[in-house]
N, C-alpha and C. Protein backbone atom coordinates (compact mmCIF):
# COMPACT_ATOMS: atom_id res chain seq x y z
N MET A 1 -15.39 11.62 25.72
CA MET A 1 -15.10 10.79 24.57
C MET A 1 -13.49 11.12 24.32
N LYS A 2 -13.01 12.30 24.62
CA LYS A 2 -11.96 12.58 24.39
C LYS A 2 -10.78 12.13 25.10
N THR A 3 -11.39 12.05 26.79
CA THR A 3 -10.70 11.31 27.89
C THR A 3 -10.72 9.73 27.62
N HIS A 4 -11.95 8.93 27.02
CA HIS A 4 -11.79 8.01 26.95
C HIS A 4 -10.59 7.52 25.85
N LEU A 5 -10.68 8.29 25.01
CA LEU A 5 -9.66 8.07 23.45
C LEU A 5 -8.02 8.07 24.38
N ILE A 6 -8.19 9.23 24.75
CA ILE A 6 -6.63 9.36 25.69
C ILE A 6 -5.98 8.27 26.38
N LEU A 7 -7.02 8.00 27.15
CA LEU A 7 -7.24 6.65 28.39
C LEU A 7 -6.65 5.18 27.58
N THR A 8 -7.40 5.01 25.95
CA THR A 8 -7.37 3.89 25.43
C THR A 8 -5.92 4.13 25.09
N ALA A 9 -5.73 5.00 24.35
CA ALA A 9 -4.29 5.33 23.49
C ALA A 9 -3.09 5.27 24.42
N ALA A 10 -3.29 5.66 25.79
CA ALA A 10 -2.22 5.40 26.90
C ALA A 10 -2.15 3.83 27.22
N ALA A 11 -3.26 3.25 27.35
CA ALA A 11 -3.40 1.86 28.11
C ALA A 11 -2.93 0.78 26.63
N ALA A 12 -2.70 1.36 25.33
CA ALA A 12 -2.27 0.41 24.45
C ALA A 12 -0.58 0.67 24.38
N ALA A 13 -0.19 1.96 24.79
CA ALA A 13 0.89 2.23 24.81
C ALA A 13 1.81 1.42 25.89
N LEU A 14 1.03 1.53 27.39
CA LEU A 14 1.76 0.93 28.17
C LEU A 14 1.60 -0.84 27.78
N ALA A 15 0.46 -0.95 27.27
CA ALA A 15 0.41 -2.74 26.90
C ALA A 15 1.44 -3.24 26.34
N LEU A 16 1.53 -2.31 24.88
CA LEU A 16 2.75 -2.77 24.25
C LEU A 16 4.32 -2.48 24.46
N SER A 17 4.37 -1.80 25.38
CA SER A 17 5.89 -1.17 25.57
C SER A 17 6.35 -2.33 26.29
N GLY A 18 5.65 -3.53 26.82
CA GLY A 18 6.05 -4.32 27.86
C GLY A 18 6.28 -5.36 26.35
N CYS A 19 5.70 -5.39 25.50
CA CYS A 19 6.00 -6.54 24.55
C CYS A 19 7.76 -6.29 24.10
N GLY A 20 8.45 -5.63 24.60
CA GLY A 20 9.72 -5.44 23.99
C GLY A 20 10.53 -5.94 25.14
N ASP A 21 9.90 -5.99 26.32
CA ASP A 21 10.99 -6.42 27.00
C ASP A 21 10.76 -8.08 27.28
N LYS A 22 9.87 -8.42 26.83
CA LYS A 22 9.80 -10.13 27.02
C LYS A 22 10.70 -10.76 26.46
N LYS A 23 11.40 -11.89 27.31
CA LYS A 23 12.64 -12.96 27.15
C LYS A 23 11.95 -14.14 26.45
N GLU A 24 12.06 -14.51 25.40
CA GLU A 24 11.29 -15.48 25.12
C GLU A 24 12.58 -16.94 24.57
N THR A 25 12.45 -17.69 24.21
CA THR A 25 13.64 -18.75 23.89
C THR A 25 13.47 -18.80 22.65
N PRO A 26 14.12 -18.51 21.65
CA PRO A 26 13.80 -18.58 20.05
C PRO A 26 13.70 -20.03 19.82
N THR A 27 13.04 -20.25 18.84
CA THR A 27 12.91 -21.73 18.33
C THR A 27 13.46 -21.60 16.86
N GLU A 28 13.85 -22.74 16.53
CA GLU A 28 14.38 -22.79 15.01
C GLU A 28 14.93 -21.62 14.46
N THR A 29 14.14 -20.70 13.68
CA THR A 29 14.99 -19.32 13.03
C THR A 29 13.95 -18.17 13.35
N THR A 30 13.19 -18.25 14.43
CA THR A 30 12.53 -17.59 15.03
C THR A 30 13.63 -16.26 15.85
N THR A 31 13.26 -15.26 15.62
CA THR A 31 13.95 -14.22 16.60
C THR A 31 12.84 -13.56 17.75
N VAL A 32 13.34 -12.98 18.57
CA VAL A 32 12.64 -12.74 19.88
C VAL A 32 12.60 -11.40 19.61
N ALA A 33 11.27 -10.81 19.58
CA ALA A 33 10.68 -9.76 19.55
C ALA A 33 11.40 -8.45 20.53
N GLY A 34 12.27 -7.63 20.56
CA GLY A 34 12.62 -6.80 21.27
C GLY A 34 13.42 -7.64 22.25
N GLY A 35 14.49 -8.35 21.73
CA GLY A 35 15.32 -9.40 22.63
C GLY A 35 16.73 -8.43 22.19
N GLU A 36 17.64 -8.12 23.18
CA GLU A 36 18.81 -7.31 22.59
C GLU A 36 19.50 -8.15 21.88
N THR A 37 19.74 -9.99 21.95
CA THR A 37 20.34 -10.63 21.47
C THR A 37 19.67 -11.40 20.48
N ALA A 38 19.05 -10.67 19.82
CA ALA A 38 18.01 -11.29 18.40
C ALA A 38 18.81 -11.86 17.55
N VAL A 39 18.39 -13.22 17.18
CA VAL A 39 19.35 -14.22 16.35
C VAL A 39 18.86 -13.69 14.78
N PRO A 40 19.61 -13.49 13.97
CA PRO A 40 19.00 -13.36 12.47
C PRO A 40 18.15 -14.38 11.86
N ALA A 41 17.13 -14.00 11.47
CA ALA A 41 16.21 -14.80 10.91
C ALA A 41 16.79 -15.65 9.65
N THR A 42 16.58 -16.98 9.08
CA THR A 42 17.11 -17.93 8.11
C THR A 42 16.51 -17.07 6.86
N PRO A 43 16.84 -16.48 5.82
CA PRO A 43 16.39 -16.08 4.56
C PRO A 43 14.98 -16.86 3.91
N ALA A 44 14.07 -16.09 3.49
CA ALA A 44 12.85 -16.94 3.74
C ALA A 44 12.37 -16.20 2.06
N ALA A 45 11.68 -17.15 1.93
CA ALA A 45 11.02 -16.86 0.04
C ALA A 45 10.18 -15.88 0.52
N SER A 46 9.84 -14.95 -0.45
CA SER A 46 8.66 -13.61 -0.31
C SER A 46 7.48 -14.35 0.19
N PRO A 47 6.80 -13.54 0.76
CA PRO A 47 5.45 -14.15 1.51
C PRO A 47 4.67 -14.21 0.15
N SER A 48 3.90 -15.39 0.26
CA SER A 48 3.48 -15.64 -0.95
C SER A 48 1.89 -14.77 -1.63
N ALA A 49 1.89 -15.07 -2.36
CA ALA A 49 1.14 -13.81 -3.23
C ALA A 49 1.37 -12.29 -3.31
N MET A 50 2.75 -12.13 -2.74
CA MET A 50 2.94 -10.75 -2.88
C MET A 50 3.54 -10.73 -4.22
N ILE A 51 3.60 -9.70 -5.10
CA ILE A 51 4.20 -9.72 -6.24
C ILE A 51 4.58 -8.06 -6.31
N ALA A 52 5.70 -8.37 -7.02
CA ALA A 52 6.74 -6.76 -7.23
C ALA A 52 6.04 -5.94 -8.00
N SER A 53 5.05 -6.29 -8.79
CA SER A 53 3.86 -5.57 -9.88
C SER A 53 3.08 -5.04 -9.00
N SER A 54 2.41 -5.20 -7.97
CA SER A 54 1.34 -4.66 -7.27
C SER A 54 1.82 -3.90 -6.40
N SER A 55 0.95 -3.05 -5.85
CA SER A 55 1.04 -2.04 -4.96
C SER A 55 1.17 -2.61 -3.44
N ILE A 56 1.72 -1.73 -2.58
CA ILE A 56 1.97 -2.21 -1.12
C ILE A 56 0.44 -2.70 -0.45
N ALA A 57 -0.40 -2.07 -1.02
CA ALA A 57 -1.90 -2.21 -0.12
C ALA A 57 -2.26 -3.39 -0.78
N ALA A 58 -2.22 -3.50 -1.91
CA ALA A 58 -3.12 -4.87 -2.95
C ALA A 58 -2.19 -6.17 -2.07
N ASN A 59 -0.64 -6.07 -2.19
CA ASN A 59 0.13 -7.06 -1.96
C ASN A 59 0.03 -7.57 -0.25
N LEU A 60 -0.61 -6.41 0.54
CA LEU A 60 -0.77 -6.86 2.15
C LEU A 60 -2.28 -7.59 2.00
N ALA A 61 -3.04 -6.98 1.34
CA ALA A 61 -4.19 -7.82 1.58
C ALA A 61 -4.28 -9.24 0.69
N ALA A 62 -3.39 -9.19 -0.18
CA ALA A 62 -3.23 -10.81 -0.72
C ALA A 62 -2.29 -11.93 0.34
N SER A 63 -1.47 -11.08 1.17
CA SER A 63 -0.75 -11.61 1.76
C SER A 63 -1.13 -12.99 3.00
N PRO A 64 -1.01 -14.09 3.11
CA PRO A 64 -1.62 -14.98 3.98
C PRO A 64 -1.31 -14.61 5.31
N ASP A 65 0.26 -13.91 5.49
CA ASP A 65 0.67 -13.81 6.71
C ASP A 65 0.42 -12.26 6.97
N HIS A 66 -0.35 -11.85 6.69
CA HIS A 66 -0.51 -10.34 7.23
C HIS A 66 -2.05 -9.75 7.05
N LYS A 67 -2.71 -10.77 7.42
CA LYS A 67 -4.35 -10.71 7.57
C LYS A 67 -4.41 -9.64 8.45
N SER A 68 -4.07 -9.56 10.05
CA SER A 68 -4.24 -8.26 10.60
C SER A 68 -4.12 -6.97 10.04
N LEU A 69 -2.63 -7.03 9.83
CA LEU A 69 -2.50 -5.76 9.35
C LEU A 69 -3.21 -5.10 7.87
N ALA A 70 -3.44 -5.73 7.05
CA ALA A 70 -4.37 -5.55 5.70
C ALA A 70 -5.94 -5.06 6.67
N ALA A 71 -6.47 -5.73 7.28
CA ALA A 71 -7.86 -5.21 8.20
C ALA A 71 -7.39 -4.01 8.77
N ALA A 72 -6.57 -3.65 9.36
CA ALA A 72 -6.13 -2.65 10.00
C ALA A 72 -5.75 -1.58 8.99
N VAL A 73 -5.44 -1.62 7.96
CA VAL A 73 -4.95 -0.30 7.05
C VAL A 73 -6.21 -0.24 6.44
N THR A 74 -7.17 -1.01 6.12
CA THR A 74 -8.47 -0.69 5.50
C THR A 74 -9.25 -0.19 6.64
N GLN A 75 -9.39 -0.55 7.73
CA GLN A 75 -10.02 0.02 9.17
C GLN A 75 -9.67 1.49 9.26
N ALA A 76 -8.29 2.08 8.94
CA ALA A 76 -7.76 3.10 8.97
C ALA A 76 -8.02 3.67 7.75
N GLY A 77 -8.42 3.52 7.04
CA GLY A 77 -8.51 4.40 6.13
C GLY A 77 -7.31 4.59 5.01
N LEU A 78 -6.24 3.43 5.28
CA LEU A 78 -5.13 4.09 4.66
C LEU A 78 -4.80 3.26 3.31
N VAL A 79 -5.90 2.33 2.63
CA VAL A 79 -5.56 1.51 1.67
C VAL A 79 -4.95 2.62 0.59
N GLN A 80 -5.53 3.42 0.45
CA GLN A 80 -5.32 4.74 -1.17
C GLN A 80 -3.99 5.05 -0.75
N THR A 81 -3.69 5.32 0.38
CA THR A 81 -2.17 6.06 0.78
C THR A 81 -1.17 4.79 0.17
N LEU A 82 -1.48 3.63 0.75
CA LEU A 82 -0.29 2.71 0.43
C LEU A 82 -0.37 1.99 -0.91
N SER A 83 -1.14 2.76 -1.85
CA SER A 83 -1.80 2.46 -2.94
C SER A 83 -1.12 3.30 -3.60
N ASP A 84 -0.88 4.66 -3.42
CA ASP A 84 -0.37 5.69 -4.42
C ASP A 84 1.07 5.16 -4.64
N VAL A 85 1.65 6.32 -5.51
CA VAL A 85 2.96 6.07 -6.26
C VAL A 85 4.36 5.85 -5.10
N GLY A 86 3.78 6.78 -4.15
CA GLY A 86 5.47 6.59 -3.28
C GLY A 86 6.38 7.49 -3.66
N PRO A 87 7.53 6.65 -3.73
CA PRO A 87 7.67 5.41 -2.77
C PRO A 87 7.36 5.06 -1.41
N PHE A 88 7.37 4.04 -0.94
CA PHE A 88 7.43 3.77 0.62
C PHE A 88 8.01 2.58 0.91
N THR A 89 8.75 2.79 2.38
CA THR A 89 9.05 1.63 3.14
C THR A 89 8.48 1.10 4.16
N VAL A 90 7.72 0.09 3.97
CA VAL A 90 6.90 -0.59 5.52
C VAL A 90 7.60 -1.40 6.06
N PHE A 91 7.48 -1.39 7.46
CA PHE A 91 7.62 -2.59 8.29
C PHE A 91 6.54 -2.97 8.56
N ALA A 92 6.22 -4.08 8.11
CA ALA A 92 4.76 -4.71 8.06
C ALA A 92 4.79 -5.94 8.99
N PRO A 93 3.65 -5.70 10.29
CA PRO A 93 3.84 -6.38 11.45
C PRO A 93 3.40 -7.68 10.53
N ASN A 94 4.07 -9.16 11.10
CA ASN A 94 2.96 -10.40 10.60
C ASN A 94 1.81 -10.39 11.28
N ASP A 95 0.84 -11.52 11.27
CA ASP A 95 -0.01 -11.91 11.91
C ASP A 95 0.69 -12.36 13.73
N ALA A 96 1.26 -13.05 13.38
CA ALA A 96 2.18 -13.36 14.94
C ALA A 96 2.41 -12.25 15.75
N ALA A 97 2.78 -11.21 15.52
CA ALA A 97 2.95 -10.16 15.94
C ALA A 97 1.86 -9.55 16.50
N PHE A 98 0.80 -9.19 15.64
CA PHE A 98 -0.11 -8.79 16.22
C PHE A 98 -1.02 -9.47 17.45
N VAL A 99 -0.58 -11.01 17.42
CA VAL A 99 -1.32 -12.07 18.47
C VAL A 99 -0.65 -11.16 19.98
N GLN A 100 0.59 -10.77 19.77
CA GLN A 100 1.23 -10.28 20.79
C GLN A 100 0.64 -9.13 21.65
N VAL A 101 0.08 -8.37 20.47
CA VAL A 101 -0.95 -7.29 21.27
C VAL A 101 -1.94 -7.78 22.20
N PRO A 102 -2.44 -7.47 23.31
CA PRO A 102 -3.47 -7.81 24.33
C PRO A 102 -4.77 -7.58 23.42
N PRO A 103 -5.64 -8.74 23.50
CA PRO A 103 -6.91 -8.40 22.57
C PRO A 103 -7.72 -7.51 22.68
N VAL A 104 -7.85 -6.80 24.20
CA VAL A 104 -8.62 -5.43 24.18
C VAL A 104 -7.98 -4.53 23.95
N THR A 105 -6.72 -4.20 23.50
CA THR A 105 -6.05 -3.31 22.51
C THR A 105 -6.31 -3.31 21.23
N ARG A 106 -6.22 -4.76 20.83
CA ARG A 106 -6.21 -5.05 19.10
C ARG A 106 -7.60 -4.59 18.87
N ASP A 107 -8.72 -4.87 20.05
CA ASP A 107 -10.21 -4.77 19.53
C ASP A 107 -10.27 -3.39 19.46
N GLY A 108 -9.77 -2.81 20.52
CA GLY A 108 -10.11 -0.98 20.84
C GLY A 108 -9.60 -0.49 19.33
N TRP A 109 -8.60 -0.71 19.16
CA TRP A 109 -8.05 -0.27 17.57
C TRP A 109 -8.82 -0.09 16.38
N MET A 110 -9.79 -1.55 16.40
CA MET A 110 -10.52 -1.21 15.42
C MET A 110 -11.97 -0.84 15.54
N ARG A 111 -12.26 -0.56 16.45
CA ARG A 111 -13.29 0.34 16.57
C ARG A 111 -13.71 1.66 15.97
N PRO A 112 -14.66 2.32 15.16
CA PRO A 112 -14.44 3.33 14.72
C PRO A 112 -14.00 4.51 15.54
N ALA A 113 -14.21 4.73 16.58
CA ALA A 113 -14.05 5.63 17.58
C ALA A 113 -12.23 5.55 17.63
N GLN A 114 -11.65 4.35 17.27
CA GLN A 114 -10.40 4.65 17.45
C GLN A 114 -9.57 4.86 15.94
N LYS A 115 -10.22 5.35 15.09
CA LYS A 115 -9.44 5.10 13.44
C LYS A 115 -8.56 6.12 13.55
N ASP A 116 -8.22 7.26 14.36
CA ASP A 116 -7.20 7.99 14.29
C ASP A 116 -5.90 7.49 14.87
N VAL A 117 -5.95 6.91 16.37
CA VAL A 117 -5.34 6.36 16.81
C VAL A 117 -4.59 5.05 16.02
N LEU A 118 -5.53 4.29 15.52
CA LEU A 118 -5.11 3.25 14.47
C LEU A 118 -4.05 4.10 13.67
N ALA A 119 -4.82 4.71 12.78
CA ALA A 119 -3.84 5.51 11.73
C ALA A 119 -2.79 5.70 12.44
N GLY A 120 -2.58 6.22 13.35
CA GLY A 120 -1.26 6.59 13.84
C GLY A 120 -0.28 5.83 14.03
N VAL A 121 -0.69 4.80 14.78
CA VAL A 121 0.14 3.38 14.78
C VAL A 121 0.41 2.87 13.62
N LEU A 122 -0.34 2.71 12.53
CA LEU A 122 -0.06 2.17 11.11
C LEU A 122 0.90 3.24 10.52
N LYS A 123 0.73 4.51 10.54
CA LYS A 123 1.61 5.46 9.92
C LYS A 123 3.32 5.11 10.45
N TYR A 124 2.99 4.87 11.44
CA TYR A 124 4.60 4.86 12.26
C TYR A 124 5.10 3.56 11.66
N HIS A 125 4.88 2.88 11.16
CA HIS A 125 5.22 1.69 10.45
C HIS A 125 5.98 1.78 9.25
N VAL A 126 5.41 3.12 8.27
CA VAL A 126 5.74 3.80 7.31
C VAL A 126 6.86 4.81 6.98
N VAL A 127 7.99 4.57 6.25
CA VAL A 127 9.13 5.62 6.16
C VAL A 127 8.91 5.81 4.81
N PRO A 128 8.57 7.31 4.37
CA PRO A 128 8.62 7.90 3.33
C PRO A 128 9.86 7.45 2.43
N GLY A 129 9.90 6.98 1.20
CA GLY A 129 11.43 7.01 0.32
C GLY A 129 10.91 5.21 -0.24
N LYS A 130 12.22 4.62 -0.62
CA LYS A 130 12.18 3.34 -0.53
C LYS A 130 13.85 2.77 0.21
N LEU A 131 13.65 2.38 1.22
CA LEU A 131 15.01 1.60 1.87
C LEU A 131 15.08 0.34 1.64
N ALA A 132 16.17 -0.03 1.01
CA ALA A 132 16.36 -1.77 1.12
C ALA A 132 17.12 -1.73 2.50
N ALA A 133 17.30 -2.98 2.80
CA ALA A 133 17.87 -3.76 3.86
C ALA A 133 19.48 -2.94 3.73
N ALA A 134 20.17 -2.96 2.61
CA ALA A 134 21.63 -2.41 2.30
C ALA A 134 21.59 -0.90 2.68
N ASP A 135 20.80 -0.14 2.39
CA ASP A 135 20.45 1.12 2.64
C ASP A 135 20.25 1.42 3.94
N LEU A 136 19.36 0.46 4.79
CA LEU A 136 19.23 0.67 5.97
C LEU A 136 20.51 0.61 7.10
N SER A 137 21.52 -0.60 6.57
CA SER A 137 22.56 -0.88 6.93
C SER A 137 23.76 0.19 6.81
N ALA A 138 23.62 0.57 5.73
CA ALA A 138 24.80 1.76 5.55
C ALA A 138 24.14 3.09 6.21
N LYS A 139 23.12 3.02 6.51
CA LYS A 139 22.66 4.31 7.30
C LYS A 139 23.04 4.57 8.59
N ILE A 140 22.93 3.18 9.35
CA ILE A 140 23.30 2.78 10.64
C ILE A 140 24.89 2.64 10.95
N ALA A 141 25.47 2.03 9.61
CA ALA A 141 26.85 2.09 9.72
C ALA A 141 27.30 3.89 9.97
N GLU A 142 26.52 4.74 9.18
CA GLU A 142 26.93 6.00 8.63
C GLU A 142 26.96 6.91 10.03
N GLY A 143 25.48 6.35 11.00
CA GLY A 143 25.52 6.89 11.74
C GLY A 143 26.11 6.10 13.51
N GLY A 144 27.09 5.75 13.27
CA GLY A 144 27.68 4.92 14.14
C GLY A 144 27.20 3.78 15.11
N GLY A 145 26.35 3.25 14.34
CA GLY A 145 25.43 1.88 14.85
C GLY A 145 24.09 2.49 15.01
N LYS A 146 23.40 3.62 14.39
CA LYS A 146 22.41 4.02 14.64
C LYS A 146 21.92 4.76 13.74
N ALA A 147 20.81 4.40 13.22
CA ALA A 147 20.15 5.34 12.31
C ALA A 147 18.43 5.75 12.79
N VAL A 148 18.33 7.03 12.67
CA VAL A 148 17.04 7.77 13.38
C VAL A 148 16.38 8.05 12.00
N LEU A 149 15.36 6.97 11.73
CA LEU A 149 14.27 7.14 10.42
C LEU A 149 13.12 8.13 10.59
N LYS A 150 12.58 8.86 10.35
CA LYS A 150 11.60 9.78 10.17
C LYS A 150 10.29 8.98 9.63
N THR A 151 9.05 8.92 10.28
CA THR A 151 8.28 7.91 9.93
C THR A 151 7.23 9.27 9.16
N ALA A 152 6.00 8.38 8.39
CA ALA A 152 5.02 8.96 8.09
C ALA A 152 4.14 9.81 9.02
N ASP A 153 4.37 9.77 10.15
CA ASP A 153 3.29 10.17 11.33
C ASP A 153 4.56 11.23 11.92
N GLY A 154 5.71 11.48 11.39
CA GLY A 154 6.22 12.49 11.75
C GLY A 154 7.03 11.96 13.26
N GLN A 155 7.01 10.93 13.63
CA GLN A 155 7.90 10.75 14.63
C GLN A 155 9.09 9.93 14.23
N ASP A 156 10.28 9.73 15.35
CA ASP A 156 11.38 8.86 15.04
C ASP A 156 11.25 7.46 15.27
N LEU A 157 11.98 6.64 14.32
CA LEU A 157 12.14 5.06 14.76
C LEU A 157 13.57 5.03 14.48
N THR A 158 14.20 4.30 15.35
CA THR A 158 15.60 3.96 15.49
C THR A 158 15.60 2.84 14.90
N ALA A 159 16.84 2.64 14.04
CA ALA A 159 17.42 1.10 13.75
C ALA A 159 18.58 0.98 13.93
N THR A 160 18.81 -0.54 14.53
CA THR A 160 20.34 -0.52 14.93
C THR A 160 20.50 -1.99 14.39
N LYS A 161 21.67 -2.68 14.23
CA LYS A 161 22.15 -3.99 13.93
C LYS A 161 22.60 -4.75 15.10
N SER A 162 21.65 -6.21 15.32
CA SER A 162 22.01 -7.03 16.06
C SER A 162 22.75 -8.55 15.67
N GLY A 163 23.85 -8.44 15.45
CA GLY A 163 24.79 -9.69 14.54
C GLY A 163 24.19 -9.17 13.11
N ASP A 164 23.68 -9.54 12.36
CA ASP A 164 23.03 -9.45 10.91
C ASP A 164 21.95 -9.12 10.73
N ALA A 165 20.61 -9.06 11.84
CA ALA A 165 19.54 -8.50 11.85
C ALA A 165 19.62 -6.88 12.00
N ILE A 166 18.49 -6.62 11.50
CA ILE A 166 18.34 -5.36 11.63
C ILE A 166 17.10 -4.93 12.89
N LEU A 167 17.32 -4.42 13.93
CA LEU A 167 16.53 -3.91 14.80
C LEU A 167 15.89 -2.74 14.98
N LEU A 168 14.70 -2.62 15.16
CA LEU A 168 13.72 -1.73 14.97
C LEU A 168 13.64 -1.21 16.60
N THR A 169 13.52 0.07 17.22
CA THR A 169 13.43 0.34 18.44
C THR A 169 12.13 1.70 18.23
N SER A 170 11.19 1.27 18.86
CA SER A 170 10.05 2.61 18.78
C SER A 170 10.11 3.63 19.61
N ALA A 171 9.83 4.93 19.44
CA ALA A 171 9.51 6.04 20.30
C ALA A 171 9.25 5.63 21.77
N SER A 172 8.36 4.86 21.83
CA SER A 172 7.90 4.05 23.45
C SER A 172 8.98 3.15 23.89
N GLY A 173 9.66 2.70 22.81
CA GLY A 173 11.10 1.58 23.87
C GLY A 173 10.41 0.30 23.28
N ASN A 174 9.58 -0.20 22.91
CA ASN A 174 9.60 -1.49 22.46
C ASN A 174 10.35 -1.78 20.91
N LYS A 175 10.65 -3.09 20.92
CA LYS A 175 11.53 -3.28 19.85
C LYS A 175 10.72 -4.55 18.62
N ALA A 176 10.93 -4.41 17.42
CA ALA A 176 10.87 -5.47 16.55
C ALA A 176 12.15 -5.51 15.60
N THR A 177 12.24 -6.95 15.47
CA THR A 177 13.25 -7.63 14.41
C THR A 177 12.73 -7.64 12.84
N VAL A 178 13.53 -7.05 11.95
CA VAL A 178 13.37 -7.64 10.72
C VAL A 178 13.45 -8.80 10.26
N THR A 179 12.61 -9.81 10.06
CA THR A 179 12.75 -11.38 9.87
C THR A 179 12.49 -11.30 8.61
N GLN A 180 12.34 -10.63 7.69
CA GLN A 180 12.21 -11.05 5.98
C GLN A 180 12.48 -9.56 5.34
N ALA A 181 13.28 -9.02 5.16
CA ALA A 181 13.96 -8.21 4.24
C ALA A 181 13.46 -7.91 2.77
N ASP A 182 13.44 -6.90 2.14
CA ASP A 182 13.61 -6.70 0.45
C ASP A 182 12.45 -7.02 -0.16
N VAL A 183 11.31 -7.27 0.40
CA VAL A 183 10.09 -7.83 -0.33
C VAL A 183 9.88 -6.77 -1.21
N GLY A 184 9.76 -6.63 -2.41
CA GLY A 184 9.63 -5.72 -3.57
C GLY A 184 8.30 -5.36 -3.91
N GLN A 185 7.66 -4.32 -4.02
CA GLN A 185 6.26 -3.59 -4.39
C GLN A 185 6.55 -2.54 -5.25
N ALA A 186 5.21 -2.22 -6.41
CA ALA A 186 5.59 -1.56 -7.38
C ALA A 186 5.92 -0.12 -6.58
N ASN A 187 5.54 0.34 -5.15
CA ASN A 187 5.18 1.53 -4.76
C ASN A 187 6.37 1.54 -3.48
N GLY A 188 7.20 0.60 -3.63
CA GLY A 188 8.16 0.63 -2.56
C GLY A 188 8.83 -0.67 -2.13
N VAL A 189 8.86 -0.80 -0.87
CA VAL A 189 9.53 -2.37 -0.28
C VAL A 189 8.84 -2.32 1.02
N VAL A 190 8.72 -3.80 1.37
CA VAL A 190 8.06 -4.29 2.64
C VAL A 190 9.41 -4.94 3.45
N HIS A 191 9.70 -4.76 4.25
CA HIS A 191 10.12 -5.66 5.41
C HIS A 191 9.65 -6.27 6.73
N VAL A 192 9.51 -7.34 6.70
CA VAL A 192 8.55 -7.72 7.36
C VAL A 192 8.76 -8.22 9.05
N ILE A 193 8.22 -7.46 9.87
CA ILE A 193 8.91 -7.64 11.21
C ILE A 193 7.67 -8.53 11.96
N ASP A 194 8.50 -8.64 13.76
CA ASP A 194 8.16 -9.59 14.28
C ASP A 194 7.24 -8.90 15.61
N ALA A 195 7.14 -7.62 15.75
CA ALA A 195 6.06 -7.32 16.62
C ALA A 195 5.81 -5.82 16.34
N VAL A 196 4.59 -5.47 16.82
CA VAL A 196 3.79 -3.90 16.38
C VAL A 196 4.48 -3.03 17.03
N LEU A 197 5.05 -2.12 16.13
CA LEU A 197 5.64 -0.94 16.92
C LEU A 197 4.80 0.17 17.30
N VAL A 198 5.11 0.54 19.04
CA VAL A 198 4.27 1.52 19.45
C VAL A 198 4.84 3.25 19.37
N PRO A 199 4.24 3.96 18.27
CA PRO A 199 4.73 5.18 18.88
C PRO A 199 4.12 5.93 19.85
N LYS A 200 4.84 7.16 20.38
CA LYS A 200 4.22 7.84 21.47
C LYS A 200 3.03 8.33 20.98
N MET A 201 1.91 7.98 22.25
CA MET A 201 0.69 8.64 22.02
C MET A 201 0.28 10.14 22.67
C-alpha cells in the first residue's frame, strides 16, 4: 500500500508538472497557466457568494467557481483548519484549473487512501498570514524580482511578476497565474489562480 501511495504521488507530480509547460493561445482575458508571457487578467468582481464576513472554508463551499476545491478541502479534512482564525493567504485554483489535472490523478486524490497526499497538495496552496496582492508585489520587489513564500506544508512557493500579473512557480516546477486577487475573507484573503500547484512529493 505504501509503494502504491508513493507511485500514485509520483505520477501525480509528473502528470501535473507538465501543466506548466503547455503553450496555449490566450482568449479574451484568460491567462496561460505556466506561460512565461502570462497576460494580466482583467479585474473582475469578487466570486459570487464570497463575502468578507465568512471564513475561507465557508466561502469556498459557497463559490460556484470552486466546487472542485471545496470538495477536495472536505475530503482532505481541512474544513476546520480553513475555518479557524488564521489569518491565511489561500491561492485558490478554480474549477477550470482542476480540469487541467488528468482525471486519473484527480480521482486518485479523492480516494480515502490518498487523503494525506491530497492534504499535502492543498496545504501547498496556503501561506500562513494575510498577504494582499500589494504585499506580494512588495516582497517580490524586495527580493529583486522574486519572493519565496513558506507554505502551510513547509515547502517553498516562488512568486514573481509577469507584467502586472503575479506568477507562482511550485517546488515541482509547474506555474499558475493569479487571475483574481484580494478576495477578502473573515480569516484572511483568497487569490484565485488558474492552475493547481504541485509540491514536491
